Amino acid sequence: MSLILKSLASAAVRPRLGALLVGRSNFATNKPALQKEPITVTFARAGGEKITAKGKEGDTLLDVVVNNEVDLDGFGACEGTLTCSTCHLILSKADYDRIPNKPTDEELDMLDLAFDLTDTSRLGCQITLTKELNGLEVKVPSTVNDARK
């Protein structure tokens, strides 16, 4: 009798499993997150040295620095909690304008404490990469001001 039950159970499961596999492949409309194209960002130091690193869509510029072990002294000391201003970056006017999210009041308050502030300054922890930002170049100020001190 158990042989009959096993046979019935496997026959009952087989159509559902097949439907799941077929249905799943029909709904795939884009690449999985792991296969997305990398987004290139260049960090230009005050002395002229340029460091190019790659991130992925959804990463912040702070993530790019940390994940690629980019050597920027003091950068991101508060780990993106908007309490230090050490990830201050300066963008060109064109790049500043193409960033989809505009600075919040909290970010602007922190930027007021940053060294070498400009009209196109942003905090790297607040800039989220999109595919449209591929090729972004940002200037790293010559020094950082840790607002927590």
N, C-alpha and C. Protein backbone atom coordinates (compact mmCIF):
# COMPACT_ATOMS: atom_id res chain seq x y z
N MET A 1 0.82 -1.20 0.00
CA MET A 1 0.00 0.00 0.00
C MET A 1 0.86 1.26 0.00
N SER A 2 1.98 1.27 0.69
CA SER A 2 2.83 2.46 0.70
C SER A 2 3.40 2.74 -0.68
N LEU A 3 3.60 1.73 -1.49
CA LEU A 3 4.09 1.92 -2.85
C LEU A 3 3.06 2.68 -3.68
N ILE A 4 1.77 2.34 -3.48
CA ILE A 4 0.69 3.03 -4.19
C ILE A 4 0.63 4.49 -3.75
N LEU A 5 0.74 4.77 -2.44
CA LEU A 5 0.70 6.13 -1.94
C LEU A 5 1.88 6.95 -2.48
N LYS A 6 3.08 6.35 -2.51
CA LYS A 6 4.25 7.05 -3.06
C LYS A 6 4.04 7.39 -4.52
N SER A 7 3.47 6.47 -5.25
CA SER A 7 3.22 6.70 -6.67
C SER A 7 2.22 7.83 -6.88
N LEU A 8 1.15 7.83 -6.08
CA LEU A 8 0.15 8.89 -6.18
C LEU A 8 0.72 10.24 -5.78
N ALA A 9 1.52 10.25 -4.71
CA ALA A 9 2.11 11.50 -4.23
C ALA A 9 3.05 12.09 -5.27
N SER A 10 3.88 11.26 -5.85
CA SER A 10 4.83 11.79 -6.84
C SER A 10 4.09 12.27 -8.08
N ALA A 11 3.02 11.59 -8.45
CA ALA A 11 2.24 12.02 -9.61
C ALA A 11 1.53 13.34 -9.32
N ALA A 12 1.12 13.54 -8.07
CA ALA A 12 0.43 14.78 -7.70
C ALA A 12 1.39 15.96 -7.62
N VAL A 13 2.62 15.71 -7.20
CA VAL A 13 3.60 16.78 -7.05
C VAL A 13 4.19 17.18 -8.40
N ARG A 14 4.39 16.22 -9.28
CA ARG A 14 5.07 16.48 -10.54
C ARG A 14 4.43 17.62 -11.35
N PRO A 15 3.11 17.67 -11.55
CA PRO A 15 2.54 18.77 -12.34
C PRO A 15 2.75 20.14 -11.68
N ARG A 16 2.65 20.20 -10.35
CA ARG A 16 2.85 21.48 -9.66
C ARG A 16 4.30 21.95 -9.79
N LEU A 17 5.23 21.03 -9.66
CA LEU A 17 6.64 21.40 -9.79
C LEU A 17 6.93 21.89 -11.20
N GLY A 18 6.38 21.20 -12.20
CA GLY A 18 6.58 21.63 -13.58
C GLY A 18 5.99 23.01 -13.83
N ALA A 19 4.82 23.27 -13.28
CA ALA A 19 4.18 24.58 -13.44
C ALA A 19 5.01 25.67 -12.79
N LEU A 20 5.59 25.37 -11.63
CA LEU A 20 6.44 26.35 -10.96
C LEU A 20 7.66 26.68 -11.79
N LEU A 21 8.29 25.66 -12.33
CA LEU A 21 9.49 25.90 -13.13
C LEU A 21 9.18 26.67 -14.40
N VAL A 22 8.11 26.29 -15.07
CA VAL A 22 7.73 26.99 -16.30
C VAL A 22 7.29 28.41 -15.98
N GLY A 23 6.45 28.56 -14.96
CA GLY A 23 5.96 29.89 -14.58
C GLY A 23 7.09 30.81 -14.17
N ARG A 24 8.06 30.29 -13.46
CA ARG A 24 9.17 31.11 -13.00
C ARG A 24 9.98 31.66 -14.16
N SER A 25 10.25 30.83 -15.15
CA SER A 25 11.06 31.31 -16.27
C SER A 25 10.29 32.32 -17.12
N ASN A 26 8.98 32.23 -17.12
CA ASN A 26 8.17 33.17 -17.89
C ASN A 26 8.12 34.55 -17.26
N PHE A 27 8.38 34.65 -15.93
CA PHE A 27 8.28 35.91 -15.24
C PHE A 27 9.60 36.65 -15.11
N ALA A 28 10.71 36.06 -15.51
CA ALA A 28 12.02 36.72 -15.42
C ALA A 28 12.07 37.83 -16.46
N THR A 29 12.13 39.06 -16.01
CA THR A 29 12.13 40.20 -16.94
C THR A 29 13.44 40.97 -16.94
N ASN A 30 14.29 40.74 -15.93
CA ASN A 30 15.57 41.45 -15.92
C ASN A 30 16.63 40.58 -15.29
N LYS A 31 17.88 41.06 -15.34
CA LYS A 31 18.99 40.30 -14.79
C LYS A 31 18.91 40.25 -13.28
N PRO A 32 19.33 39.13 -12.69
CA PRO A 32 19.42 39.12 -11.22
C PRO A 32 20.38 40.19 -10.74
N ALA A 33 20.23 40.65 -9.50
CA ALA A 33 21.05 41.73 -8.96
C ALA A 33 22.54 41.45 -9.07
N LEU A 34 22.95 40.19 -8.94
CA LEU A 34 24.37 39.87 -8.99
C LEU A 34 24.95 40.07 -10.39
N GLN A 35 24.11 40.10 -11.42
CA GLN A 35 24.61 40.22 -12.77
C GLN A 35 24.44 41.62 -13.35
N LYS A 36 24.05 42.58 -12.55
CA LYS A 36 23.88 43.94 -13.06
C LYS A 36 25.24 44.51 -13.44
N GLU A 37 25.21 45.41 -14.39
CA GLU A 37 26.44 46.06 -14.85
C GLU A 37 27.05 46.89 -13.73
N PRO A 38 28.37 46.83 -13.57
CA PRO A 38 29.00 47.67 -12.54
C PRO A 38 28.93 49.14 -12.92
N ILE A 39 28.93 49.98 -11.90
CA ILE A 39 28.90 51.43 -12.09
C ILE A 39 30.26 51.96 -11.67
N THR A 40 30.91 52.68 -12.57
CA THR A 40 32.25 53.19 -12.32
C THR A 40 32.19 54.59 -11.74
N VAL A 41 32.99 54.79 -10.69
CA VAL A 41 33.09 56.09 -10.03
C VAL A 41 34.57 56.42 -9.89
N THR A 42 34.92 57.66 -10.18
CA THR A 42 36.30 58.11 -10.01
C THR A 42 36.35 59.15 -8.91
N PHE A 43 37.27 58.92 -7.97
CA PHE A 43 37.52 59.84 -6.86
C PHE A 43 38.80 60.60 -7.18
N ALA A 44 38.70 61.92 -7.33
CA ALA A 44 39.86 62.76 -7.64
C ALA A 44 40.34 63.42 -6.36
N ARG A 45 41.54 63.05 -5.94
CA ARG A 45 42.11 63.65 -4.73
C ARG A 45 42.57 65.07 -5.01
N ALA A 46 42.73 65.85 -3.97
CA ALA A 46 43.14 67.25 -4.10
C ALA A 46 44.50 67.38 -4.80
N GLY A 47 45.37 66.41 -4.64
CA GLY A 47 46.69 66.44 -5.26
C GLY A 47 46.70 66.03 -6.72
N GLY A 48 45.55 65.64 -7.25
CA GLY A 48 45.45 65.28 -8.66
C GLY A 48 45.34 63.78 -8.92
N GLU A 49 45.68 62.93 -7.95
CA GLU A 49 45.57 61.49 -8.13
C GLU A 49 44.10 61.10 -8.29
N LYS A 50 43.85 60.19 -9.22
CA LYS A 50 42.49 59.71 -9.45
C LYS A 50 42.42 58.22 -9.13
N ILE A 51 41.39 57.85 -8.39
CA ILE A 51 41.17 56.47 -8.02
C ILE A 51 39.82 56.06 -8.59
N THR A 52 39.83 55.04 -9.44
CA THR A 52 38.59 54.56 -10.04
C THR A 52 38.17 53.28 -9.33
N ALA A 53 36.89 53.21 -8.99
CA ALA A 53 36.35 52.05 -8.29
C ALA A 53 34.98 51.72 -8.89
N LYS A 54 34.51 50.53 -8.60
CA LYS A 54 33.22 50.11 -9.13
C LYS A 54 32.26 49.81 -7.99
N GLY A 55 31.00 50.13 -8.24
CA GLY A 55 29.93 49.82 -7.33
C GLY A 55 28.79 49.20 -8.10
N LYS A 56 27.69 49.01 -7.42
CA LYS A 56 26.51 48.49 -8.11
C LYS A 56 25.31 49.37 -7.78
N GLU A 57 24.32 49.28 -8.61
CA GLU A 57 23.12 50.07 -8.41
C GLU A 57 22.58 49.84 -7.00
N GLY A 58 22.30 50.93 -6.29
CA GLY A 58 21.80 50.84 -4.92
C GLY A 58 22.87 51.09 -3.87
N ASP A 59 24.16 50.97 -4.27
CA ASP A 59 25.25 51.31 -3.35
C ASP A 59 25.32 52.81 -3.18
N THR A 60 25.81 53.26 -2.03
CA THR A 60 26.13 54.68 -1.86
C THR A 60 27.60 54.86 -2.22
N LEU A 61 28.02 56.10 -2.36
CA LEU A 61 29.45 56.35 -2.62
C LEU A 61 30.29 55.90 -1.43
N LEU A 62 29.74 55.97 -0.23
CA LEU A 62 30.43 55.44 0.94
C LEU A 62 30.63 53.94 0.80
N ASP A 63 29.61 53.22 0.33
CA ASP A 63 29.74 51.78 0.09
C ASP A 63 30.86 51.49 -0.90
N VAL A 64 30.95 52.29 -1.96
CA VAL A 64 31.98 52.09 -2.98
C VAL A 64 33.36 52.22 -2.35
N VAL A 65 33.55 53.25 -1.53
CA VAL A 65 34.85 53.46 -0.88
C VAL A 65 35.18 52.28 0.04
N VAL A 66 34.23 51.87 0.85
CA VAL A 66 34.46 50.79 1.81
C VAL A 66 34.67 49.45 1.09
N ASN A 67 33.79 49.12 0.16
CA ASN A 67 33.84 47.82 -0.51
C ASN A 67 35.06 47.64 -1.39
N ASN A 68 35.62 48.75 -1.87
CA ASN A 68 36.81 48.68 -2.73
C ASN A 68 38.09 49.05 -1.97
N GLU A 69 37.95 49.28 -0.67
CA GLU A 69 39.08 49.65 0.18
C GLU A 69 39.86 50.84 -0.40
N VAL A 70 39.10 51.84 -0.87
CA VAL A 70 39.71 53.06 -1.40
C VAL A 70 40.31 53.82 -0.21
N ASP A 71 41.57 54.19 -0.33
CA ASP A 71 42.29 54.82 0.77
C ASP A 71 42.01 56.33 0.80
N LEU A 72 40.98 56.70 1.55
CA LEU A 72 40.64 58.10 1.77
C LEU A 72 40.60 58.31 3.28
N ASP A 73 41.61 58.97 3.81
CA ASP A 73 41.75 59.14 5.25
C ASP A 73 40.50 59.71 5.91
N GLY A 74 39.99 59.01 6.92
CA GLY A 74 38.86 59.49 7.71
C GLY A 74 37.51 59.40 7.04
N PHE A 75 37.45 58.96 5.80
CA PHE A 75 36.22 58.97 5.02
C PHE A 75 35.18 58.04 5.65
N GLY A 76 34.00 58.57 5.93
CA GLY A 76 32.89 57.76 6.42
C GLY A 76 33.03 57.31 7.85
N ALA A 77 33.60 58.15 8.68
CA ALA A 77 33.87 57.77 10.08
C ALA A 77 32.61 57.36 10.84
N CYS A 78 31.47 57.96 10.52
CA CYS A 78 30.23 57.64 11.25
C CYS A 78 29.45 56.51 10.58
N GLU A 79 30.01 55.95 9.54
CA GLU A 79 29.40 54.82 8.81
C GLU A 79 28.04 55.16 8.21
N GLY A 80 27.89 56.39 7.75
CA GLY A 80 26.68 56.77 7.04
C GLY A 80 25.50 57.17 7.91
N THR A 81 25.74 57.54 9.14
CA THR A 81 24.64 57.91 10.04
C THR A 81 24.36 59.41 10.06
N LEU A 82 24.99 60.16 9.17
CA LEU A 82 24.80 61.61 9.07
C LEU A 82 25.20 62.35 10.34
N THR A 83 26.34 61.95 10.91
CA THR A 83 26.79 62.63 12.13
C THR A 83 28.23 63.11 12.06
N CYS A 84 28.90 63.05 10.87
CA CYS A 84 30.32 63.43 10.89
C CYS A 84 30.79 64.32 9.74
N SER A 85 30.23 64.27 8.59
CA SER A 85 30.61 65.04 7.39
C SER A 85 31.95 64.63 6.78
N THR A 86 32.53 63.48 7.19
CA THR A 86 33.83 63.06 6.65
C THR A 86 33.75 62.49 5.24
N CYS A 87 32.56 62.19 4.76
CA CYS A 87 32.42 61.68 3.39
C CYS A 87 32.02 62.80 2.43
N HIS A 88 32.36 64.02 2.78
CA HIS A 88 32.09 65.19 1.95
C HIS A 88 32.79 65.04 0.60
N LEU A 89 32.05 65.24 -0.46
CA LEU A 89 32.58 65.20 -1.83
C LEU A 89 32.07 66.40 -2.60
N ILE A 90 32.83 66.78 -3.61
CA ILE A 90 32.45 67.92 -4.45
C ILE A 90 32.21 67.41 -5.86
N LEU A 91 31.07 67.77 -6.41
CA LEU A 91 30.70 67.31 -7.75
C LEU A 91 30.72 68.47 -8.73
N SER A 92 30.81 68.15 -10.00
CA SER A 92 30.63 69.18 -11.02
C SER A 92 29.15 69.58 -10.99
N LYS A 93 28.83 70.74 -11.50
CA LYS A 93 27.44 71.21 -11.52
C LYS A 93 26.55 70.23 -12.28
N ALA A 94 27.05 69.72 -13.42
CA ALA A 94 26.25 68.79 -14.24
C ALA A 94 25.98 67.49 -13.47
N ASP A 95 26.99 66.95 -12.80
CA ASP A 95 26.79 65.72 -12.03
C ASP A 95 25.90 65.97 -10.83
N TYR A 96 26.07 67.09 -10.17
CA TYR A 96 25.23 67.45 -9.01
C TYR A 96 23.75 67.46 -9.44
N ASP A 97 23.49 68.04 -10.60
CA ASP A 97 22.11 68.17 -11.07
C ASP A 97 21.50 66.84 -11.49
N ARG A 98 22.33 65.86 -11.89
CA ARG A 98 21.76 64.59 -12.35
C ARG A 98 21.56 63.56 -11.24
N ILE A 99 21.96 63.89 -10.02
CA ILE A 99 21.70 63.00 -8.90
C ILE A 99 20.22 63.09 -8.57
N PRO A 100 19.53 61.95 -8.59
CA PRO A 100 18.06 62.00 -8.43
C PRO A 100 17.58 62.50 -7.08
N ASN A 101 18.26 62.11 -6.00
CA ASN A 101 17.80 62.57 -4.69
C ASN A 101 18.54 63.84 -4.29
N LYS A 102 17.80 64.82 -3.90
CA LYS A 102 18.37 66.10 -3.48
C LYS A 102 18.72 66.04 -1.99
N PRO A 103 19.64 66.89 -1.54
CA PRO A 103 20.05 66.82 -0.13
C PRO A 103 18.89 67.15 0.82
N THR A 104 18.83 66.39 1.90
CA THR A 104 17.83 66.64 2.94
C THR A 104 18.33 67.76 3.85
N ASP A 105 17.47 68.25 4.71
CA ASP A 105 17.88 69.26 5.69
C ASP A 105 18.99 68.74 6.59
N GLU A 106 18.90 67.45 6.98
CA GLU A 106 19.94 66.86 7.84
C GLU A 106 21.29 66.85 7.13
N GLU A 107 21.28 66.49 5.84
CA GLU A 107 22.53 66.48 5.08
C GLU A 107 23.09 67.89 4.95
N LEU A 108 22.24 68.85 4.67
CA LEU A 108 22.70 70.24 4.54
C LEU A 108 23.28 70.76 5.86
N ASP A 109 22.68 70.38 6.97
CA ASP A 109 23.22 70.78 8.28
C ASP A 109 24.62 70.20 8.49
N MET A 110 24.81 68.95 8.10
CA MET A 110 26.13 68.32 8.24
C MET A 110 27.13 68.94 7.28
N LEU A 111 26.68 69.27 6.08
CA LEU A 111 27.57 69.89 5.10
C LEU A 111 28.07 71.25 5.57
N ASP A 112 27.25 71.96 6.34
CA ASP A 112 27.68 73.25 6.88
C ASP A 112 28.95 73.13 7.72
N LEU A 113 29.22 71.94 8.22
CA LEU A 113 30.40 71.70 9.06
C LEU A 113 31.58 71.12 8.27
N ALA A 114 31.38 70.89 6.98
CA ALA A 114 32.41 70.27 6.15
C ALA A 114 33.49 71.26 5.72
N PHE A 115 34.69 70.75 5.52
CA PHE A 115 35.81 71.55 5.04
C PHE A 115 35.66 71.78 3.55
N ASP A 116 35.96 73.01 3.07
CA ASP A 116 35.98 73.34 1.64
C ASP A 116 34.60 73.19 0.99
N LEU A 117 33.56 73.62 1.68
CA LEU A 117 32.18 73.51 1.20
C LEU A 117 31.97 74.31 -0.08
N THR A 118 31.21 73.73 -1.03
CA THR A 118 30.85 74.41 -2.27
C THR A 118 29.35 74.28 -2.50
N ASP A 119 28.84 74.93 -3.53
CA ASP A 119 27.42 74.82 -3.88
C ASP A 119 27.07 73.43 -4.41
N THR A 120 28.08 72.66 -4.82
CA THR A 120 27.83 71.33 -5.36
C THR A 120 28.39 70.24 -4.45
N SER A 121 28.49 70.54 -3.18
CA SER A 121 28.96 69.55 -2.20
C SER A 121 27.83 68.61 -1.82
N ARG A 122 28.18 67.36 -1.59
CA ARG A 122 27.25 66.35 -1.09
C ARG A 122 28.02 65.42 -0.17
N LEU A 123 27.30 64.68 0.64
CA LEU A 123 27.90 63.64 1.46
C LEU A 123 27.79 62.32 0.70
N GLY A 124 28.91 61.63 0.61
CA GLY A 124 28.95 60.37 -0.15
C GLY A 124 27.99 59.32 0.38
N CYS A 125 27.71 59.36 1.68
CA CYS A 125 26.78 58.38 2.26
C CYS A 125 25.35 58.62 1.81
N GLN A 126 25.07 59.77 1.21
CA GLN A 126 23.72 60.13 0.80
C GLN A 126 23.50 60.05 -0.70
N ILE A 127 24.54 59.70 -1.45
CA ILE A 127 24.41 59.58 -2.90
C ILE A 127 24.31 58.11 -3.25
N THR A 128 23.16 57.70 -3.75
CA THR A 128 22.91 56.31 -4.13
C THR A 128 23.12 56.16 -5.63
N LEU A 129 23.91 55.15 -5.99
CA LEU A 129 24.23 54.94 -7.39
C LEU A 129 23.04 54.42 -8.19
N THR A 130 22.90 54.98 -9.37
CA THR A 130 21.96 54.49 -10.37
C THR A 130 22.77 54.27 -11.63
N LYS A 131 22.23 53.52 -12.58
CA LYS A 131 22.98 53.27 -13.81
C LYS A 131 23.27 54.58 -14.56
N GLU A 132 22.44 55.59 -14.36
CA GLU A 132 22.67 56.89 -15.01
C GLU A 132 23.90 57.60 -14.46
N LEU A 133 24.36 57.20 -13.29
CA LEU A 133 25.55 57.83 -12.69
C LEU A 133 26.85 57.12 -13.06
N ASN A 134 26.78 56.13 -13.95
CA ASN A 134 27.99 55.44 -14.39
C ASN A 134 28.97 56.47 -14.98
N GLY A 135 30.22 56.41 -14.54
CA GLY A 135 31.23 57.35 -15.00
C GLY A 135 31.34 58.59 -14.13
N LEU A 136 30.61 58.63 -13.04
CA LEU A 136 30.63 59.79 -12.14
C LEU A 136 32.05 60.06 -11.64
N GLU A 137 32.44 61.34 -11.63
CA GLU A 137 33.72 61.74 -11.05
C GLU A 137 33.44 62.75 -9.95
N VAL A 138 34.04 62.51 -8.79
CA VAL A 138 33.85 63.39 -7.64
C VAL A 138 35.21 63.84 -7.12
N LYS A 139 35.25 65.05 -6.60
CA LYS A 139 36.48 65.60 -6.03
C LYS A 139 36.46 65.37 -4.52
N VAL A 140 37.57 64.87 -4.01
CA VAL A 140 37.72 64.66 -2.58
C VAL A 140 38.44 65.87 -2.00
N PRO A 141 37.86 66.56 -1.02
CA PRO A 141 38.55 67.72 -0.43
C PRO A 141 39.90 67.31 0.16
N SER A 142 40.79 68.29 0.32
CA SER A 142 42.14 68.00 0.80
C SER A 142 42.19 67.53 2.24
N THR A 143 41.16 67.83 3.01
CA THR A 143 41.10 67.37 4.40
C THR A 143 39.64 67.17 4.79
N VAL A 144 39.42 66.47 5.89
CA VAL A 144 38.05 66.26 6.36
C VAL A 144 37.87 66.91 7.71
N ASN A 145 36.61 67.21 7.99
CA ASN A 145 36.25 67.76 9.29
C ASN A 145 35.26 66.80 9.91
N ASP A 146 35.65 66.15 10.99
CA ASP A 146 34.75 65.23 11.67
C ASP A 146 33.89 66.03 12.64
N ALA A 147 32.64 66.23 12.29
CA ALA A 147 31.73 67.07 13.08
C ALA A 147 31.45 66.49 14.46
N ARG A 148 31.82 65.25 14.68
CA ARG A 148 31.57 64.63 16.00
C ARG A 148 32.57 65.10 17.05
N LYS A 149 33.66 65.75 16.61
CA LYS A 149 34.71 66.18 17.56
C LYS A 149 34.48 67.59 18.02
